[in-house]
Amino acid sequence: MSRTTVIQNVRILDPSRNVDEKGAIVVENGRIAAAGAGALNQGAPEGAEVVDGRGLIAAPGLVDARVFVGEPGGEHRETIESAARAAAAGGVTSFIMMPDTDPVIDDVALVEFVLKTARDKAVVNIHPAAALTKGLAGEEMTEFGLLKEAGAVAFTNGRHPVHNAQVLRRAMTYARTFGGVIALETRDKHLGAGGVMNEGLLASWLGLSGTPREAELIPLERDLRIAGLTTAAYHAAQISVPESADAIEIARARGANVTCGISINHLTLNENDIGEYRTFFKLSPPLRGEDDRKAMVDALAKGTIDIIVSSHDPQDVDTKRLPFADAADGAIGLETMLAAALRLHHSGEVPLMRLVDALSTRPAKIFGLDAGTLAPGAAADIVLIDPDEPWLATRDTFVSRSKNTAFEDARFTGRAVSTYVAGKRVHSLG
């Protein structure tokens, strides 16, 4: 096979260089040699594989910063290999794997296990996040220095908030020493502890207990204060209400080093999608009202919200085909994140450059990954997107082992048609 690939006649979108122009991308030995309008001034290199990208958009491969995988311990839901194939199908070339496994990724051996398995079986780049506390119990810190040296790119408690403020202060201080990012979900363990959907009129009509927005906001404001106190790099893993976005802005104005993400579900769905107790829409945090959704889209467009995540969380029939209140939280999302995000482009709510930035460039920068750019010398992780291709997201189209999608039978316009990792095509439609 040729070690040089040329993608020509393509619209290049690269937020890292603020490039939006028609041109070509030249890949040599797994790296970007040139990308832009003048990339083929000397013509295509002799013997190169030439790909015609007419009508397509070339963007840096997507970087998903919140992905749950069953392996080890829950391989029936998702393996590292199957998650990687699902990622490639969705245009994701790198993802950060959460430590919520069995056993928990809280020591060096398990970080090394994830990295070795990914090297052997995965078609995309997988970066493990290590547990912030041992067993995700929220009490005893893990060995940040050793875990980071082994390859962990962030420290998080996954689905489990840290309720002890003193533990969190020590963790942030410790992580700062090693240049680590603390990424947390904010959820108060008492406020709305039994809540299964957004607190409001609809929850009352459905006879379901609700979770108020304060259950997210109060622990977030605590975390932001501790981040300011310790000057640590803090990332709010997924916020869902506009008051949280406001709190992020205020913390930044005070000088805190804070960023935040939002799941694609909370940008494109609302509580009404739950309908008649549809458990595939039971998520954490819960889907909010339509006014909240619109406000969060605005916060993304102006950059208050840094990144979009899939929050890919595979669940099987035994945990989802239950009464709504008893069903597990979570939905798969690696394969639909890009297509759902393109809805915001087609509606005119978010510019395409900002979307690609939130899906690729910005998460790579926050977590220090070699990704998110088409600059010469960078890894040739590329997604080719047809922004206008219509398709239907049926169960048969999903690569993931689990099928608990919030977008079952959804109609989309736009998708990844080819995905390249280190210059190698790992996914292609047709």
Protein backbone atom coordinates (compact mmCIF):
# COMPACT_ATOMS: atom_id res chain seq x y z
CA MET A 1 0.00 0.00 0.00
CA SER A 2 1.10 3.56 -0.69
CA ARG A 3 2.38 5.42 2.34
CA THR A 4 1.29 8.71 0.81
CA THR A 5 -2.35 9.70 0.53
CA VAL A 6 -3.79 12.82 -1.09
CA ILE A 7 -7.35 13.97 -0.36
CA GLN A 8 -8.16 16.60 -2.97
CA ASN A 9 -11.06 18.89 -3.93
CA VAL A 10 -12.22 18.96 -0.32
CA ARG A 11 -13.40 21.74 1.97
CA ILE A 12 -10.89 21.90 4.81
CA LEU A 13 -12.16 22.98 8.24
CA ASP A 14 -9.38 23.31 10.81
CA PRO A 15 -10.25 25.41 13.89
CA SER A 16 -6.70 25.05 15.24
CA ARG A 17 -5.49 27.29 12.39
CA ASN A 18 -8.81 29.05 11.67
CA VAL A 19 -8.74 27.54 8.16
CA ASP A 20 -11.91 27.17 6.09
CA GLU A 21 -10.96 26.77 2.45
CA LYS A 22 -11.12 24.38 -0.47
CA GLY A 23 -7.91 22.50 -1.08
CA ALA A 24 -6.12 19.25 -0.43
CA ILE A 25 -4.53 17.25 2.37
CA VAL A 26 -1.29 15.36 1.84
CA VAL A 27 -0.53 12.54 4.28
CA GLU A 28 2.91 10.96 4.48
CA ASN A 29 3.86 8.17 6.88
CA GLY A 30 0.84 8.77 9.08
CA ARG A 31 1.41 12.51 9.47
CA ILE A 32 -0.01 15.61 7.80
CA ALA A 33 2.52 16.88 5.26
CA ALA A 34 0.34 19.73 3.98
CA ALA A 35 -3.27 20.82 4.29
CA GLY A 36 -4.84 23.80 2.58
CA ALA A 37 -5.45 25.58 -0.69
CA GLY A 38 -1.78 25.40 -1.68
CA ALA A 39 -1.07 21.84 -0.63
CA LEU A 40 -0.80 20.58 -4.21
CA ASN A 41 1.19 23.45 -5.73
CA GLN A 42 3.80 20.90 -6.80
CA GLY A 43 1.18 18.31 -7.79
CA ALA A 44 0.40 15.00 -6.12
CA PRO A 45 3.48 13.00 -5.08
CA GLU A 46 4.29 10.14 -7.44
CA GLY A 47 2.65 6.89 -6.41
CA ALA A 48 0.28 8.53 -3.93
CA GLU A 49 -3.22 7.20 -3.33
CA VAL A 50 -5.54 9.98 -4.48
CA VAL A 51 -8.97 10.39 -2.90
CA ASP A 52 -11.51 12.74 -4.47
CA GLY A 53 -13.21 14.66 -1.66
CA ARG A 54 -15.52 16.67 -3.88
CA GLY A 55 -18.61 17.73 -1.92
CA LEU A 56 -17.08 16.63 1.40
CA ILE A 57 -15.67 18.43 4.44
CA ALA A 58 -12.32 17.36 5.86
CA ALA A 59 -11.94 18.07 9.58
CA PRO A 60 -9.62 16.89 12.34
CA GLY A 61 -10.82 13.54 13.67
CA LEU A 62 -13.31 13.99 16.49
CA VAL A 63 -12.15 13.71 20.10
CA ASP A 64 -14.74 12.39 22.56
CA ALA A 65 -13.80 13.17 26.15
CA ARG A 66 -16.42 11.03 27.93
CA VAL A 67 -16.86 7.40 26.90
CA PHE A 68 -17.83 4.49 29.12
CA VAL A 69 -16.66 1.01 28.06
CA GLY A 70 -17.62 -2.30 29.64
CA GLU A 71 -14.16 -3.86 29.46
CA PRO A 72 -12.91 -5.05 31.88
CA GLY A 73 -15.83 -6.66 33.69
CA GLY A 74 -18.75 -5.79 31.42
CA GLU A 75 -17.69 -7.02 28.01
CA HIS A 76 -21.27 -8.05 27.18
CA ARG A 77 -22.14 -4.33 27.04
CA GLU A 78 -19.07 -3.05 25.19
CA THR A 79 -15.47 -4.05 24.64
CA ILE A 80 -12.56 -1.75 23.89
CA GLU A 81 -12.52 -3.19 20.37
CA SER A 82 -16.24 -2.68 19.70
CA ALA A 83 -16.19 0.83 21.18
CA ALA A 84 -13.30 1.71 18.88
CA ARG A 85 -15.18 0.47 15.81
CA ALA A 86 -18.26 2.44 16.88
CA ALA A 87 -16.08 5.52 17.32
CA ALA A 88 -14.59 5.16 13.85
CA ALA A 89 -18.08 4.86 12.36
CA GLY A 90 -18.97 8.17 13.98
CA GLY A 91 -15.84 10.01 12.86
CA VAL A 92 -14.23 9.81 16.32
CA THR A 93 -10.48 9.13 16.07
CA SER A 94 -9.63 9.56 19.77
CA PHE A 95 -11.63 9.09 22.93
CA ILE A 96 -11.07 9.25 26.67
CA MET A 97 -12.24 6.12 28.46
CA MET A 98 -13.85 6.55 31.86
CA PRO A 99 -12.58 4.47 34.81
CA ASP A 100 -16.01 3.02 35.70
CA THR A 101 -15.08 -0.60 35.00
CA ASP A 102 -14.85 -3.74 37.10
CA PRO A 103 -12.25 -3.52 38.52
CA VAL A 104 -12.05 0.27 38.57
CA ILE A 105 -9.13 1.85 36.69
CA ASP A 106 -7.42 3.12 39.82
CA ASP A 107 -3.94 1.63 39.56
CA VAL A 108 -1.08 1.52 37.07
CA ALA A 109 -1.69 -2.08 35.99
CA LEU A 110 -5.20 -1.27 34.78
CA VAL A 111 -4.09 1.85 32.91
CA GLU A 112 -1.50 -0.31 31.19
CA PHE A 113 -4.13 -2.97 30.46
CA VAL A 114 -6.34 -0.43 28.67
CA LEU A 115 -3.44 0.95 26.65
CA LYS A 116 -2.16 -2.50 25.66
CA THR A 117 -5.63 -3.75 24.69
CA ALA A 118 -6.19 -0.59 22.67
CA ARG A 119 -2.88 -1.02 20.86
CA ASP A 120 -3.70 -4.64 20.04
CA LYS A 121 -7.39 -4.37 19.13
CA ALA A 122 -8.59 -0.78 18.68
CA VAL A 123 -8.73 1.05 15.34
CA VAL A 124 -8.78 4.48 17.03
CA ASN A 125 -6.74 6.14 19.77
CA ILE A 126 -7.98 5.35 23.28
CA HIS A 127 -6.75 7.35 26.26
CA PRO A 128 -7.62 6.09 29.76
CA ALA A 129 -8.79 8.47 32.46
CA ALA A 130 -7.77 7.23 35.89
CA ALA A 131 -10.02 7.18 38.93
CA LEU A 132 -9.69 10.23 41.16
CA THR A 133 -10.37 8.13 44.26
CA LYS A 134 -9.79 4.45 44.96
CA GLY A 135 -12.75 2.37 43.91
CA LEU A 136 -14.53 5.62 42.93
CA ALA A 137 -15.61 5.75 46.59
CA GLY A 138 -14.76 9.44 46.98
CA GLU A 139 -12.58 9.04 50.05
CA GLU A 140 -8.97 8.04 49.32
CA MET A 141 -6.99 9.58 46.47
CA THR A 142 -5.21 7.44 43.91
CA GLU A 143 -1.52 7.81 42.98
CA PHE A 144 -1.81 10.63 40.46
CA GLY A 145 1.88 10.83 39.59
CA LEU A 146 2.26 7.13 38.83
CA LEU A 147 -1.04 6.99 36.93
CA LYS A 148 -0.15 9.98 34.78
CA GLU A 149 3.28 8.54 34.05
CA ALA A 150 1.58 5.28 33.00
CA GLY A 151 -0.57 7.14 30.48
CA ALA A 152 -3.69 8.47 32.21
CA VAL A 153 -4.76 11.76 30.60
CA ALA A 154 -7.18 12.94 33.31
CA PHE A 155 -8.48 12.11 36.77
CA THR A 156 -12.19 11.63 37.27
CA ASN A 157 -14.72 9.79 39.36
CA GLY A 158 -16.76 8.96 36.26
CA ARG A 159 -20.44 8.67 37.11
CA HIS A 160 -19.70 9.20 40.81
CA PRO A 161 -19.46 12.74 42.22
CA VAL A 162 -16.96 13.56 44.96
CA HIS A 163 -19.00 14.71 47.94
CA ASN A 164 -16.13 15.37 50.37
CA ALA A 165 -14.85 18.92 49.77
CA GLN A 166 -11.61 18.31 51.66
CA VAL A 167 -10.79 15.26 49.55
CA LEU A 168 -11.48 17.31 46.43
CA ARG A 169 -9.25 20.16 47.61
CA ARG A 170 -6.39 17.75 48.24
CA ALA A 171 -6.94 16.05 44.90
CA MET A 172 -6.90 19.34 43.00
CA THR A 173 -3.76 20.47 44.79
CA TYR A 174 -2.07 17.15 44.07
CA ALA A 175 -3.18 17.10 40.41
CA ARG A 176 -1.84 20.62 39.89
CA THR A 177 1.64 19.38 40.88
CA PHE A 178 1.55 16.84 38.04
CA GLY A 179 -0.23 19.05 35.51
CA GLY A 180 -3.30 16.81 35.60
CA VAL A 181 -6.88 17.75 34.73
CA ILE A 182 -9.65 16.98 37.22
CA ALA A 183 -12.89 16.18 35.36
CA LEU A 184 -16.00 15.71 37.48
CA GLU A 185 -19.72 15.20 37.18
CA THR A 186 -21.57 17.48 39.59
CA ARG A 187 -24.54 15.95 41.37
CA ASP A 188 -25.64 16.47 44.95
CA LYS A 189 -26.27 13.18 46.73
CA HIS A 190 -29.23 14.49 48.71
CA LEU A 191 -31.01 17.03 46.48
CA GLY A 192 -33.24 15.05 44.17
CA ALA A 193 -31.53 11.82 45.23
CA GLY A 194 -34.52 9.80 44.06
CA GLY A 195 -35.13 11.91 40.98
CA VAL A 196 -35.37 10.11 37.65
CA MET A 197 -36.10 13.05 35.32
CA ASN A 198 -36.10 16.84 35.26
CA GLU A 199 -38.12 18.34 38.09
CA GLY A 200 -41.13 20.18 36.72
CA LEU A 201 -44.68 19.95 35.46
CA LEU A 202 -44.01 17.09 33.05
CA ALA A 203 -42.52 14.94 35.82
CA SER A 204 -45.65 15.58 37.87
CA TRP A 205 -47.89 14.57 34.96
CA LEU A 206 -45.92 11.36 34.48
CA GLY A 207 -45.93 10.61 38.20
CA LEU A 208 -42.12 10.51 38.34
CA SER A 209 -39.81 12.05 40.93
CA GLY A 210 -37.76 14.98 39.66
CA THR A 211 -34.20 16.25 39.98
CA PRO A 212 -33.94 20.04 40.40
CA ARG A 213 -31.31 22.07 38.60
CA GLU A 214 -29.85 23.02 41.98
CA ALA A 215 -28.70 19.40 42.37
CA GLU A 216 -26.20 20.18 39.59
CA LEU A 217 -25.56 23.84 40.31
CA ILE A 218 -24.71 23.74 44.03
CA PRO A 219 -21.89 21.13 43.80
CA LEU A 220 -20.62 22.82 40.62
CA GLU A 221 -20.28 26.16 42.40
CA ARG A 222 -18.43 24.39 45.22
CA ASP A 223 -16.06 22.76 42.73
CA LEU A 224 -15.41 26.06 40.97
CA ARG A 225 -14.53 27.73 44.28
CA ILE A 226 -12.09 24.94 45.15
CA ALA A 227 -10.58 25.16 41.65
CA GLY A 228 -10.02 28.87 42.24
CA LEU A 229 -8.54 28.18 45.67
CA THR A 230 -6.09 25.55 44.39
CA THR A 231 -5.49 27.05 40.88
CA ALA A 232 -5.93 23.53 39.50
CA ALA A 233 -7.20 22.71 35.99
CA TYR A 234 -10.83 21.75 36.52
CA HIS A 235 -13.28 20.44 33.92
CA ALA A 236 -17.02 20.16 34.59
CA ALA A 237 -17.70 16.95 32.68
CA GLN A 238 -21.25 17.66 31.57
CA ILE A 239 -23.51 20.53 32.52
CA SER A 240 -27.18 20.75 31.55
CA VAL A 241 -28.73 24.02 32.75
CA PRO A 242 -27.97 27.66 31.86
CA GLU A 243 -27.24 28.60 35.47
CA SER A 244 -24.27 26.22 35.31
CA ALA A 245 -22.94 27.97 32.22
CA ASP A 246 -23.32 31.30 34.05
CA ALA A 247 -21.36 29.90 37.01
CA ILE A 248 -18.54 28.85 34.66
CA GLU A 249 -18.33 32.37 33.24
CA ILE A 250 -18.21 33.92 36.71
CA ALA A 251 -15.45 31.53 37.80
CA ARG A 252 -13.40 32.40 34.72
CA ALA A 253 -13.84 36.10 35.44
CA ARG A 254 -12.34 35.41 38.89
CA GLY A 255 -9.33 33.82 37.19
CA ALA A 256 -10.09 30.14 37.74
CA ASN A 257 -8.68 27.65 35.22
CA VAL A 258 -11.98 25.94 34.40
CA THR A 259 -13.61 24.37 31.35
CA CYS A 260 -16.83 22.48 30.79
CA GLY A 261 -18.55 20.04 28.48
CA ILE A 262 -22.08 19.07 27.53
CA SER A 263 -23.46 15.88 26.07
CA ILE A 264 -24.92 16.01 22.58
CA ASN A 265 -28.14 14.67 24.11
CA HIS A 266 -28.67 17.87 26.10
CA LEU A 267 -28.08 20.02 23.02
CA THR A 268 -30.54 18.23 20.73
CA LEU A 269 -33.16 16.58 22.97
CA ASN A 270 -35.43 17.72 25.79
CA GLU A 271 -37.61 16.20 28.51
CA ASN A 272 -40.58 15.87 26.15
CA ASP A 273 -38.69 13.18 24.24
CA ILE A 274 -39.25 10.85 27.19
CA GLY A 275 -42.83 10.52 25.94
CA GLU A 276 -44.54 7.52 27.44
CA TYR A 277 -41.75 6.42 29.78
CA ARG A 278 -39.13 5.69 27.09
CA THR A 279 -36.17 4.48 29.12
CA PHE A 280 -33.58 5.12 26.39
CA PHE A 281 -34.06 8.79 27.31
CA LYS A 282 -33.29 8.22 31.00
CA LEU A 283 -29.97 10.00 31.37
CA SER A 284 -27.79 11.62 34.02
CA PRO A 285 -28.08 14.56 34.24
CA PRO A 286 -31.70 14.28 33.10
CA LEU A 287 -32.93 15.85 29.89
CA ARG A 288 -34.09 19.38 30.69
CA GLY A 289 -36.79 21.67 29.29
CA GLU A 290 -36.71 23.16 25.80
CA ASP A 291 -35.84 26.63 27.08
CA ASP A 292 -32.85 25.11 28.89
CA ARG A 293 -31.77 23.29 25.73
CA LYS A 294 -31.88 26.49 23.67
CA ALA A 295 -29.90 28.37 26.30
CA MET A 296 -27.23 25.69 26.30
CA VAL A 297 -26.97 25.82 22.51
CA ASP A 298 -26.42 29.58 22.80
CA ALA A 299 -23.74 29.01 25.47
CA LEU A 300 -21.99 26.55 23.15
CA ALA A 301 -22.13 28.96 20.21
CA LYS A 302 -20.50 31.78 22.15
CA GLY A 303 -17.85 29.51 23.66
CA THR A 304 -18.91 29.42 27.31
CA ILE A 305 -19.35 25.66 26.90
CA ASP A 306 -16.03 24.35 25.61
CA ILE A 307 -16.72 20.88 24.28
CA ILE A 308 -19.36 18.39 23.20
CA VAL A 309 -19.20 14.78 24.41
CA SER A 310 -21.21 11.73 23.46
CA SER A 311 -21.35 10.45 27.05
CA HIS A 312 -21.45 7.03 25.40
CA ASP A 313 -22.80 4.67 28.07
CA PRO A 314 -23.79 1.21 26.79
CA GLN A 315 -26.48 -0.63 28.71
CA ASP A 316 -28.09 -3.98 27.97
CA VAL A 317 -31.68 -5.15 27.89
CA ASP A 318 -31.61 -6.23 31.54
CA THR A 319 -30.90 -2.67 32.71
CA LYS A 320 -33.01 -0.70 30.20
CA ARG A 321 -36.15 -2.76 29.52
CA LEU A 322 -37.55 -1.91 32.96
CA PRO A 323 -40.05 0.57 34.40
CA PHE A 324 -38.67 4.09 33.85
CA ALA A 325 -37.83 4.71 37.50
CA ASP A 326 -35.91 1.43 37.74
CA ALA A 327 -34.00 1.60 34.45
CA ALA A 328 -30.29 2.45 34.37
CA ASP A 329 -29.17 5.88 33.21
CA GLY A 330 -27.27 6.24 29.96
CA ALA A 331 -27.33 5.99 26.18
CA ILE A 332 -24.81 5.07 23.51
CA GLY A 333 -23.64 7.99 21.40
CA LEU A 334 -20.30 7.52 19.64
CA GLU A 335 -21.97 6.83 16.29
CA THR A 336 -24.55 9.64 16.43
CA MET A 337 -22.66 12.50 18.09
CA LEU A 338 -21.52 14.09 14.83
CA ALA A 339 -24.81 13.63 12.99
CA ALA A 340 -26.80 15.06 15.89
CA ALA A 341 -24.38 18.01 16.17
CA LEU A 342 -24.89 18.76 12.48
CA ARG A 343 -28.54 19.47 13.30
CA LEU A 344 -27.30 22.60 15.07
CA HIS A 345 -25.41 23.61 11.92
CA HIS A 346 -28.33 23.01 9.59
CA SER A 347 -30.65 24.99 11.87
CA GLY A 348 -28.21 27.92 11.85
CA GLU A 349 -27.79 27.83 15.64
CA VAL A 350 -24.06 27.04 15.79
CA PRO A 351 -21.45 27.82 13.10
CA LEU A 352 -19.77 24.76 11.63
CA MET A 353 -16.31 25.96 12.68
CA ARG A 354 -17.44 26.22 16.33
CA LEU A 355 -18.96 22.74 16.16
CA VAL A 356 -15.73 21.19 14.86
CA ASP A 357 -13.79 23.12 17.50
CA ALA A 358 -16.05 21.74 20.26
CA LEU A 359 -15.93 18.20 18.86
CA SER A 360 -12.22 18.00 18.12
CA THR A 361 -9.78 20.86 18.59
CA ARG A 362 -10.84 22.09 22.01
CA PRO A 363 -11.07 18.70 23.79
CA ALA A 364 -7.64 17.77 22.43
CA LYS A 365 -6.23 21.00 23.84
CA ILE A 366 -7.89 20.64 27.25
CA PHE A 367 -6.57 17.11 27.79
CA GLY A 368 -3.22 17.54 26.03
CA LEU A 369 -3.79 15.05 23.22
CA ASP A 370 -1.94 14.85 19.89
CA ALA A 371 -5.14 15.43 17.96
CA GLY A 372 -7.65 18.08 16.91
CA THR A 373 -5.58 19.70 14.15
CA LEU A 374 -4.67 19.36 10.48
CA ALA A 375 -1.48 21.36 10.87
CA PRO A 376 1.60 20.00 9.07
CA GLY A 377 3.42 17.52 11.29
CA ALA A 378 0.31 16.49 13.24
CA ALA A 379 -1.01 12.94 13.33
CA ALA A 380 -3.16 12.32 10.25
CA ASP A 381 -6.40 11.75 12.16
CA ILE A 382 -9.04 12.96 9.71
CA VAL A 383 -12.78 12.68 9.25
CA LEU A 384 -14.44 13.24 5.88
CA ILE A 385 -17.99 14.47 6.35
CA ASP A 386 -20.86 14.60 3.89
CA PRO A 387 -22.93 17.36 5.52
CA ASP A 388 -25.98 16.72 3.33
CA GLU A 389 -26.35 12.95 3.24
CA PRO A 390 -29.70 11.82 4.68
CA TRP A 391 -29.79 8.64 6.72
CA LEU A 392 -31.91 6.80 9.25
CA ALA A 393 -30.40 5.63 12.56
CA THR A 394 -31.87 2.14 12.92
CA ARG A 395 -30.69 -0.58 15.29
CA ASP A 396 -29.11 -2.40 12.35
CA THR A 397 -26.84 0.57 11.60
CA PHE A 398 -25.12 0.56 15.00
CA VAL A 399 -21.72 -1.07 15.50
CA SER A 400 -21.83 -0.80 19.30
CA ARG A 401 -22.64 -4.02 21.15
CA SER A 402 -25.42 -2.22 23.01
CA LYS A 403 -28.33 -0.53 21.24
CA ASN A 404 -29.65 1.84 23.91
CA THR A 405 -29.60 4.92 21.73
CA ALA A 406 -31.63 8.07 22.33
CA PHE A 407 -31.75 8.48 18.54
CA GLU A 408 -33.41 5.22 17.49
CA ASP A 409 -35.14 5.72 14.12
CA ALA A 410 -34.01 9.37 14.05
CA ARG A 411 -33.59 11.01 10.66
CA PHE A 412 -30.27 12.77 10.21
CA THR A 413 -28.69 14.93 7.55
CA GLY A 414 -24.92 14.53 7.43
CA ARG A 415 -22.47 11.89 8.66
CA ALA A 416 -18.88 10.69 8.59
CA VAL A 417 -18.20 8.92 5.30
CA SER A 418 -14.51 8.11 5.93
CA THR A 419 -12.34 8.11 9.03
CA TYR A 420 -8.54 8.05 9.02
CA VAL A 421 -6.28 7.31 11.99
CA ALA A 422 -2.57 7.97 11.49
CA GLY A 423 -3.28 8.11 7.75
CA LYS A 424 -4.96 4.70 7.66
CA ARG A 425 -8.61 4.52 6.65
CA VAL A 426 -10.43 2.73 9.47
CA HIS A 427 -14.01 3.44 8.38
CA SER A 428 -15.64 4.04 5.04
CA LEU A 429 -19.23 4.08 3.80
CA GLY A 430 -19.32 1.90 0.72
